[in-house]
PDB file of N, CA and C in Angstrom:
ATOM      1  N   MET A   1      -9.925 -55.191 -21.568  1.00  0.00           N
ATOM      2  CA  MET A   1      -9.341 -54.040 -20.914  1.00  0.00           C
ATOM      3  C   MET A   1     -10.409 -53.363 -20.091  1.00  0.00           C
ATOM      4  N   SER A   2     -10.004 -52.754 -19.030  1.00  0.00           N
ATOM      5  CA  SER A   2     -10.889 -51.916 -18.228  1.00  0.00           C
ATOM      6  C   SER A   2     -10.212 -50.564 -18.119  1.00  0.00           C
ATOM      7  N   GLN A   3     -10.924 -49.568 -17.590  1.00  0.00           N
ATOM      8  CA  GLN A   3     -10.373 -48.226 -17.646  1.00  0.00           C
ATOM      9  C   GLN A   3      -9.744 -47.728 -16.360  1.00  0.00           C
ATOM     10  N   SER A   4     -10.087 -48.262 -15.215  1.00  0.00           N
ATOM     11  CA  SER A   4      -9.554 -47.710 -13.984  1.00  0.00           C
ATOM     12  C   SER A   4      -9.147 -48.816 -13.025  1.00  0.00           C
ATOM     13  N   PRO A   5      -7.927 -49.268 -13.005  1.00  0.00           N
ATOM     14  CA  PRO A   5      -6.849 -48.834 -13.898  1.00  0.00           C
ATOM     15  C   PRO A   5      -7.065 -49.392 -15.303  1.00  0.00           C
ATOM     16  N   LEU A   6      -6.348 -48.854 -16.261  1.00  0.00           N
ATOM     17  CA  LEU A   6      -6.400 -49.356 -17.624  1.00  0.00           C
ATOM     18  C   LEU A   6      -5.657 -50.679 -17.653  1.00  0.00           C
ATOM     19  N   ARG A   7      -6.357 -51.768 -17.955  1.00  0.00           N
ATOM     20  CA  ARG A   7      -5.741 -53.093 -18.008  1.00  0.00           C
ATOM     21  C   ARG A   7      -5.411 -53.387 -19.465  1.00  0.00           C
ATOM     22  N   VAL A   8      -4.137 -53.643 -19.718  1.00  0.00           N
ATOM     23  CA  VAL A   8      -3.656 -53.922 -21.068  1.00  0.00           C
ATOM     24  C   VAL A   8      -3.289 -55.392 -21.148  1.00  0.00           C
ATOM     25  N   GLU A   9      -3.831 -56.074 -22.157  1.00  0.00           N
ATOM     26  CA  GLU A   9      -3.521 -57.475 -22.385  1.00  0.00           C
ATOM     27  C   GLU A   9      -2.999 -57.624 -23.805  1.00  0.00           C
ATOM     28  N   GLY A  10      -1.971 -58.437 -23.978  1.00  0.00           N
ATOM     29  CA  GLY A  10      -1.410 -58.664 -25.300  1.00  0.00           C
ATOM     30  C   GLY A  10      -1.150 -60.142 -25.528  1.00  0.00           C
ATOM     31  N   THR A  11      -1.258 -60.574 -26.770  1.00  0.00           N
ATOM     32  CA  THR A  11      -0.972 -61.955 -27.148  1.00  0.00           C
ATOM     33  C   THR A  11      -0.116 -61.938 -28.404  1.00  0.00           C
ATOM     34  N   GLY A  12       0.445 -63.092 -28.745  1.00  0.00           N
ATOM     35  CA  GLY A  12       1.225 -63.204 -29.964  1.00  0.00           C
ATOM     36  C   GLY A  12       2.696 -62.871 -29.797  1.00  0.00           C
ATOM     37  N   PHE A  13       3.141 -62.706 -28.553  1.00  0.00           N
ATOM     38  CA  PHE A  13       4.552 -62.451 -28.283  1.00  0.00           C
ATOM     39  C   PHE A  13       5.270 -63.787 -28.129  1.00  0.00           C
ATOM     40  N   GLN A  14       6.577 -63.756 -28.158  1.00  0.00           N
ATOM     41  CA  GLN A  14       7.359 -64.970 -27.977  1.00  0.00           C
ATOM     42  C   GLN A  14       7.305 -65.373 -26.496  1.00  0.00           C
ATOM     43  N   PRO A  15       7.239 -66.678 -26.200  1.00  0.00           N
ATOM     44  CA  PRO A  15       7.234 -67.108 -24.807  1.00  0.00           C
ATOM     45  C   PRO A  15       8.441 -66.538 -24.044  1.00  0.00           C
ATOM     46  N   GLY A  16       8.175 -65.918 -22.912  1.00  0.00           N
ATOM     47  CA  GLY A  16       9.232 -65.356 -22.080  1.00  0.00           C
ATOM     48  C   GLY A  16       9.810 -64.042 -22.569  1.00  0.00           C
ATOM     49  N   GLU A  17       9.310 -63.519 -23.675  1.00  0.00           N
ATOM     50  CA  GLU A  17       9.835 -62.278 -24.245  1.00  0.00           C
ATOM     51  C   GLU A  17       9.604 -61.104 -23.293  1.00  0.00           C
ATOM     52  N   GLU A  18      10.614 -60.289 -23.089  1.00  0.00           N
ATOM     53  CA  GLU A  18      10.454 -59.061 -22.311  1.00  0.00           C
ATOM     54  C   GLU A  18       9.660 -58.073 -23.158  1.00  0.00           C
ATOM     55  N   VAL A  19       8.682 -57.423 -22.542  1.00  0.00           N
ATOM     56  CA  VAL A  19       7.799 -56.508 -23.268  1.00  0.00           C
ATOM     57  C   VAL A  19       7.818 -55.150 -22.580  1.00  0.00           C
ATOM     58  N   ARG A  20       8.072 -54.107 -23.377  1.00  0.00           N
ATOM     59  CA  ARG A  20       8.032 -52.722 -22.889  1.00  0.00           C
ATOM     60  C   ARG A  20       6.714 -52.124 -23.348  1.00  0.00           C
ATOM     61  N   ILE A  21       5.935 -51.620 -22.393  1.00  0.00           N
ATOM     62  CA  ILE A  21       4.643 -51.018 -22.691  1.00  0.00           C
ATOM     63  C   ILE A  21       4.772 -49.520 -22.494  1.00  0.00           C
ATOM     64  N   GLU A  22       4.548 -48.774 -23.569  1.00  0.00           N
ATOM     65  CA  GLU A  22       4.620 -47.315 -23.508  1.00  0.00           C
ATOM     66  C   GLU A  22       3.220 -46.750 -23.712  1.00  0.00           C
ATOM     67  N   VAL A  23       2.847 -45.808 -22.855  1.00  0.00           N
ATOM     68  CA  VAL A  23       1.549 -45.156 -22.944  1.00  0.00           C
ATOM     69  C   VAL A  23       1.777 -43.713 -23.343  1.00  0.00           C
ATOM     70  N   ASP A  24       1.295 -43.357 -24.537  1.00  0.00           N
ATOM     71  CA  ASP A  24       1.386 -41.986 -25.031  1.00  0.00           C
ATOM     72  C   ASP A  24       0.074 -41.299 -24.676  1.00  0.00           C
ATOM     73  N   ALA A  25       0.101 -40.554 -23.590  1.00  0.00           N
ATOM     74  CA  ALA A  25      -1.074 -39.866 -23.063  1.00  0.00           C
ATOM     75  C   ALA A  25      -0.569 -38.648 -22.301  1.00  0.00           C
ATOM     76  N   PRO A  26      -1.487 -37.781 -21.824  1.00  0.00           N
ATOM     77  CA  PRO A  26      -1.032 -36.585 -21.110  1.00  0.00           C
ATOM     78  C   PRO A  26      -0.042 -36.873 -19.989  1.00  0.00           C
ATOM     79  N   ASN A  27      -0.186 -37.958 -19.266  1.00  0.00           N
ATOM     80  CA  ASN A  27       0.789 -38.317 -18.228  1.00  0.00           C
ATOM     81  C   ASN A  27       1.321 -39.718 -18.535  1.00  0.00           C
ATOM     82  N   GLY A  28       1.871 -39.878 -19.729  1.00  0.00           N
ATOM     83  CA  GLY A  28       2.330 -41.170 -20.228  1.00  0.00           C
ATOM     84  C   GLY A  28       3.241 -41.912 -19.274  1.00  0.00           C
ATOM     85  N   GLN A  29       3.259 -43.209 -19.444  1.00  0.00           N
ATOM     86  CA  GLN A  29       4.045 -44.084 -18.588  1.00  0.00           C
ATOM     87  C   GLN A  29       4.758 -45.128 -19.435  1.00  0.00           C
ATOM     88  N   THR A  30       5.767 -45.735 -18.862  1.00  0.00           N
ATOM     89  CA  THR A  30       6.435 -46.882 -19.467  1.00  0.00           C
ATOM     90  C   THR A  30       6.512 -47.968 -18.413  1.00  0.00           C
ATOM     91  N   LYS A  31       6.121 -49.182 -18.799  1.00  0.00           N
ATOM     92  CA  LYS A  31       6.191 -50.324 -17.897  1.00  0.00           C
ATOM     93  C   LYS A  31       6.911 -51.453 -18.608  1.00  0.00           C
ATOM     94  N   HIS A  32       7.404 -52.393 -17.826  1.00  0.00           N
ATOM     95  CA  HIS A  32       8.064 -53.573 -18.369  1.00  0.00           C
ATOM     96  C   HIS A  32       7.397 -54.810 -17.779  1.00  0.00           C
ATOM     97  N   THR A  33       7.221 -55.827 -18.610  1.00  0.00           N
ATOM     98  CA  THR A  33       6.662 -57.090 -18.160  1.00  0.00           C
ATOM     99  C   THR A  33       7.278 -58.196 -19.006  1.00  0.00           C
ATOM    100  N   ARG A  34       6.880 -59.406 -18.764  1.00  0.00           N
ATOM    101  CA  ARG A  34       7.405 -60.545 -19.523  1.00  0.00           C
ATOM    102  C   ARG A  34       6.223 -61.382 -19.996  1.00  0.00           C
ATOM    103  N   ALA A  35       6.280 -61.808 -21.262  1.00  0.00           N
ATOM    104  CA  ALA A  35       5.231 -62.658 -21.817  1.00  0.00           C
ATOM    105  C   ALA A  35       5.274 -64.026 -21.147  1.00  0.00           C
ATOM    106  N   SER A  36       4.115 -64.611 -20.985  1.00  0.00           N
ATOM    107  CA  SER A  36       4.001 -65.936 -20.378  1.00  0.00           C
ATOM    108  C   SER A  36       4.521 -67.005 -21.341  1.00  0.00           C
ATOM    109  N   SER A  37       4.498 -68.244 -20.896  1.00  0.00           N
ATOM    110  CA  SER A  37       4.939 -69.349 -21.761  1.00  0.00           C
ATOM    111  C   SER A  37       4.041 -69.495 -22.983  1.00  0.00           C
ATOM    112  N   GLY A  38       2.831 -68.917 -22.917  1.00  0.00           N
ATOM    113  CA  GLY A  38       1.927 -68.924 -24.064  1.00  0.00           C
ATOM    114  C   GLY A  38       2.036 -67.677 -24.924  1.00  0.00           C
ATOM    115  N   GLY A  39       2.936 -66.751 -24.562  1.00  0.00           N
ATOM    116  CA  GLY A  39       3.155 -65.549 -25.358  1.00  0.00           C
ATOM    117  C   GLY A  39       2.208 -64.400 -25.061  1.00  0.00           C
ATOM    118  N   SER A  40       1.558 -64.415 -23.905  1.00  0.00           N
ATOM    119  CA  SER A  40       0.643 -63.324 -23.572  1.00  0.00           C
ATOM    120  C   SER A  40       1.115 -62.580 -22.322  1.00  0.00           C
ATOM    121  N   PHE A  41       0.562 -61.380 -22.125  1.00  0.00           N
ATOM    122  CA  PHE A  41       0.856 -60.609 -20.915  1.00  0.00           C
ATOM    123  C   PHE A  41      -0.367 -59.809 -20.522  1.00  0.00           C
ATOM    124  N   THR A  42      -0.424 -59.433 -19.275  1.00  0.00           N
ATOM    125  CA  THR A  42      -1.445 -58.533 -18.742  1.00  0.00           C
ATOM    126  C   THR A  42      -0.749 -57.591 -17.779  1.00  0.00           C
ATOM    127  N   THR A  43      -1.031 -56.309 -17.894  1.00  0.00           N
ATOM    128  CA  THR A  43      -0.474 -55.331 -16.962  1.00  0.00           C
ATOM    129  C   THR A  43      -1.476 -54.200 -16.772  1.00  0.00           C
ATOM    130  N   ASP A  44      -1.406 -53.545 -15.648  1.00  0.00           N
ATOM    131  CA  ASP A  44      -2.291 -52.418 -15.350  1.00  0.00           C
ATOM    132  C   ASP A  44      -1.528 -51.112 -15.459  1.00  0.00           C
ATOM    133  N   ILE A  45      -2.180 -50.123 -16.057  1.00  0.00           N
ATOM    134  CA  ILE A  45      -1.642 -48.767 -16.163  1.00  0.00           C
ATOM    135  C   ILE A  45      -2.511 -47.901 -15.262  1.00  0.00           C
ATOM    136  N   SER A  46      -1.916 -47.316 -14.252  1.00  0.00           N
ATOM    137  CA  SER A  46      -2.688 -46.515 -13.305  1.00  0.00           C
ATOM    138  C   SER A  46      -2.457 -45.031 -13.540  1.00  0.00           C
ATOM    139  N   GLU A  47      -3.309 -44.257 -12.926  1.00  0.00           N
ATOM    140  CA  GLU A  47      -3.164 -42.809 -12.882  1.00  0.00           C
ATOM    141  C   GLU A  47      -3.208 -42.117 -14.237  1.00  0.00           C
ATOM    142  N   LEU A  48      -3.994 -42.621 -15.183  1.00  0.00           N
ATOM    143  CA  LEU A  48      -4.213 -41.857 -16.410  1.00  0.00           C
ATOM    144  C   LEU A  48      -5.117 -40.686 -16.059  1.00  0.00           C
ATOM    145  N   THR A  49      -4.743 -39.501 -16.492  1.00  0.00           N
ATOM    146  CA  THR A  49      -5.536 -38.318 -16.191  1.00  0.00           C
ATOM    147  C   THR A  49      -5.909 -37.618 -17.482  1.00  0.00           C
ATOM    148  N   GLY A  50      -6.936 -36.819 -17.398  1.00  0.00           N
ATOM    149  CA  GLY A  50      -7.352 -36.022 -18.533  1.00  0.00           C
ATOM    150  C   GLY A  50      -8.148 -36.835 -19.534  1.00  0.00           C
ATOM    151  N   CYS A  51      -8.489 -36.179 -20.604  1.00  0.00           N
ATOM    152  CA  CYS A  51      -9.273 -36.787 -21.667  1.00  0.00           C
ATOM    153  C   CYS A  51      -8.485 -36.666 -22.962  1.00  0.00           C
ATOM    154  N   GLY A  52      -8.847 -37.448 -23.933  1.00  0.00           N
ATOM    155  CA  GLY A  52      -8.209 -37.336 -25.230  1.00  0.00           C
ATOM    156  C   GLY A  52      -7.635 -38.644 -25.693  1.00  0.00           C
ATOM    157  N   SER A  53      -6.747 -38.564 -26.638  1.00  0.00           N
ATOM    158  CA  SER A  53      -6.175 -39.735 -27.277  1.00  0.00           C
ATOM    159  C   SER A  53      -5.166 -40.435 -26.370  1.00  0.00           C
ATOM    160  N   VAL A  54      -5.222 -41.763 -26.359  1.00  0.00           N
ATOM    161  CA  VAL A  54      -4.262 -42.583 -25.633  1.00  0.00           C
ATOM    162  C   VAL A  54      -3.790 -43.676 -26.581  1.00  0.00           C
ATOM    163  N   THR A  55      -2.490 -43.778 -26.786  1.00  0.00           N
ATOM    164  CA  THR A  55      -1.918 -44.837 -27.613  1.00  0.00           C
ATOM    165  C   THR A  55      -1.042 -45.712 -26.732  1.00  0.00           C
ATOM    166  N   VAL A  56      -1.272 -47.022 -26.797  1.00  0.00           N
ATOM    167  CA  VAL A  56      -0.480 -47.990 -26.043  1.00  0.00           C
ATOM    168  C   VAL A  56       0.331 -48.798 -27.051  1.00  0.00           C
ATOM    169  N   THR A  57       1.646 -48.830 -26.872  1.00  0.00           N
ATOM    170  CA  THR A  57       2.536 -49.597 -27.741  1.00  0.00           C
ATOM    171  C   THR A  57       3.278 -50.611 -26.892  1.00  0.00           C
ATOM    172  N   ALA A  58       3.230 -51.873 -27.317  1.00  0.00           N
ATOM    173  CA  ALA A  58       3.964 -52.946 -26.641  1.00  0.00           C
ATOM    174  C   ALA A  58       5.045 -53.432 -27.599  1.00  0.00           C
ATOM    175  N   THR A  59       6.297 -53.341 -27.169  1.00  0.00           N
ATOM    176  CA  THR A  59       7.440 -53.735 -27.993  1.00  0.00           C
ATOM    177  C   THR A  59       8.194 -54.847 -27.283  1.00  0.00           C
ATOM    178  N   GLY A  60       8.303 -55.985 -27.943  1.00  0.00           N
ATOM    179  CA  GLY A  60       8.991 -57.125 -27.359  1.00  0.00           C
ATOM    180  C   GLY A  60      10.478 -57.108 -27.667  1.00  0.00           C
ATOM    181  N   SER A  61      11.259 -57.713 -26.791  1.00  0.00           N
ATOM    182  CA  SER A  61      12.709 -57.748 -26.949  1.00  0.00           C
ATOM    183  C   SER A  61      13.154 -58.613 -28.122  1.00  0.00           C
ATOM    184  N   GLN A  62      12.236 -59.438 -28.655  1.00  0.00           N
ATOM    185  CA  GLN A  62      12.579 -60.294 -29.780  1.00  0.00           C
ATOM    186  C   GLN A  62      11.908 -59.824 -31.071  1.00  0.00           C
ATOM    187  N   GLY A  63      11.447 -58.565 -31.076  1.00  0.00           N
ATOM    188  CA  GLY A  63      10.927 -57.977 -32.303  1.00  0.00           C
ATOM    189  C   GLY A  63       9.426 -57.900 -32.436  1.00  0.00           C
ATOM    190  N   SER A  64       8.674 -58.429 -31.491  1.00  0.00           N
ATOM    191  CA  SER A  64       7.223 -58.343 -31.555  1.00  0.00           C
ATOM    192  C   SER A  64       6.775 -56.927 -31.235  1.00  0.00           C
ATOM    193  N   VAL A  65       5.759 -56.430 -31.965  1.00  0.00           N
ATOM    194  CA  VAL A  65       5.241 -55.086 -31.713  1.00  0.00           C
ATOM    195  C   VAL A  65       3.727 -55.102 -31.877  1.00  0.00           C
ATOM    196  N   ALA A  66       3.034 -54.426 -30.963  1.00  0.00           N
ATOM    197  CA  ALA A  66       1.592 -54.240 -31.060  1.00  0.00           C
ATOM    198  C   ALA A  66       1.272 -52.823 -30.627  1.00  0.00           C
ATOM    199  N   GLU A  67       0.255 -52.219 -31.259  1.00  0.00           N
ATOM    200  CA  GLU A  67      -0.113 -50.845 -30.917  1.00  0.00           C
ATOM    201  C   GLU A  67      -1.616 -50.720 -30.978  1.00  0.00           C
ATOM    202  N   PHE A  68      -2.170 -49.940 -30.038  1.00  0.00           N
ATOM    203  CA  PHE A  68      -3.609 -49.703 -30.028  1.00  0.00           C
ATOM    204  C   PHE A  68      -3.849 -48.255 -29.637  1.00  0.00           C
ATOM    205  N   ASN A  69      -4.771 -47.597 -30.336  1.00  0.00           N
ATOM    206  CA  ASN A  69      -5.108 -46.208 -30.051  1.00  0.00           C
ATOM    207  C   ASN A  69      -6.581 -46.101 -29.677  1.00  0.00           C
ATOM    208  N   PHE A  70      -6.829 -45.389 -28.567  1.00  0.00           N
ATOM    209  CA  PHE A  70      -8.196 -45.016 -28.204  1.00  0.00           C
ATOM    210  C   PHE A  70      -8.362 -43.593 -28.707  1.00  0.00           C
ATOM    211  N   SER A  71      -9.262 -43.366 -29.645  1.00  0.00           N
ATOM    212  CA  SER A  71      -9.388 -42.000 -30.171  1.00  0.00           C
ATOM    213  C   SER A  71      -9.885 -41.048 -29.102  1.00  0.00           C
ATOM    214  N   GLN A  72     -10.737 -41.509 -28.221  1.00  0.00           N
ATOM    215  CA  GLN A  72     -11.179 -40.714 -27.072  1.00  0.00           C
ATOM    216  C   GLN A  72     -11.344 -41.670 -25.907  1.00  0.00           C
ATOM    217  N   ILE A  73     -10.857 -41.288 -24.755  1.00  0.00           N
ATOM    218  CA  ILE A  73     -11.062 -42.083 -23.550  1.00  0.00           C
ATOM    219  C   ILE A  73     -12.110 -41.362 -22.726  1.00  0.00           C
ATOM    220  N   ALA A  74     -13.027 -42.088 -22.161  1.00  0.00           N
ATOM    221  CA  ALA A  74     -14.095 -41.466 -21.381  1.00  0.00           C
ATOM    222  C   ALA A  74     -13.523 -40.715 -20.195  1.00  0.00           C
ATOM    223  N   CYS A  75     -14.085 -39.576 -19.910  1.00  0.00           N
ATOM    224  CA  CYS A  75     -13.607 -38.750 -18.791  1.00  0.00           C
ATOM    225  C   CYS A  75     -14.297 -39.123 -17.512  1.00  0.00           C
TER     226      CYS A  75
END
């Protein structure tokens, strides 16, 4: 992952599974992507502002779920 934009990568999803990525942050966002044939995805989250906690949750349409929390994001 990188921070500007925040690049989110996930693995372990079902091949072709639709994935909803929710960002719980001061200006949170929701994005949609699809897992590759190998079950992974990469997406960029832009325009994160402010400092503090950021939680990223990826929920797959076939029941896969992953969550990651940054306790502090660099300002």
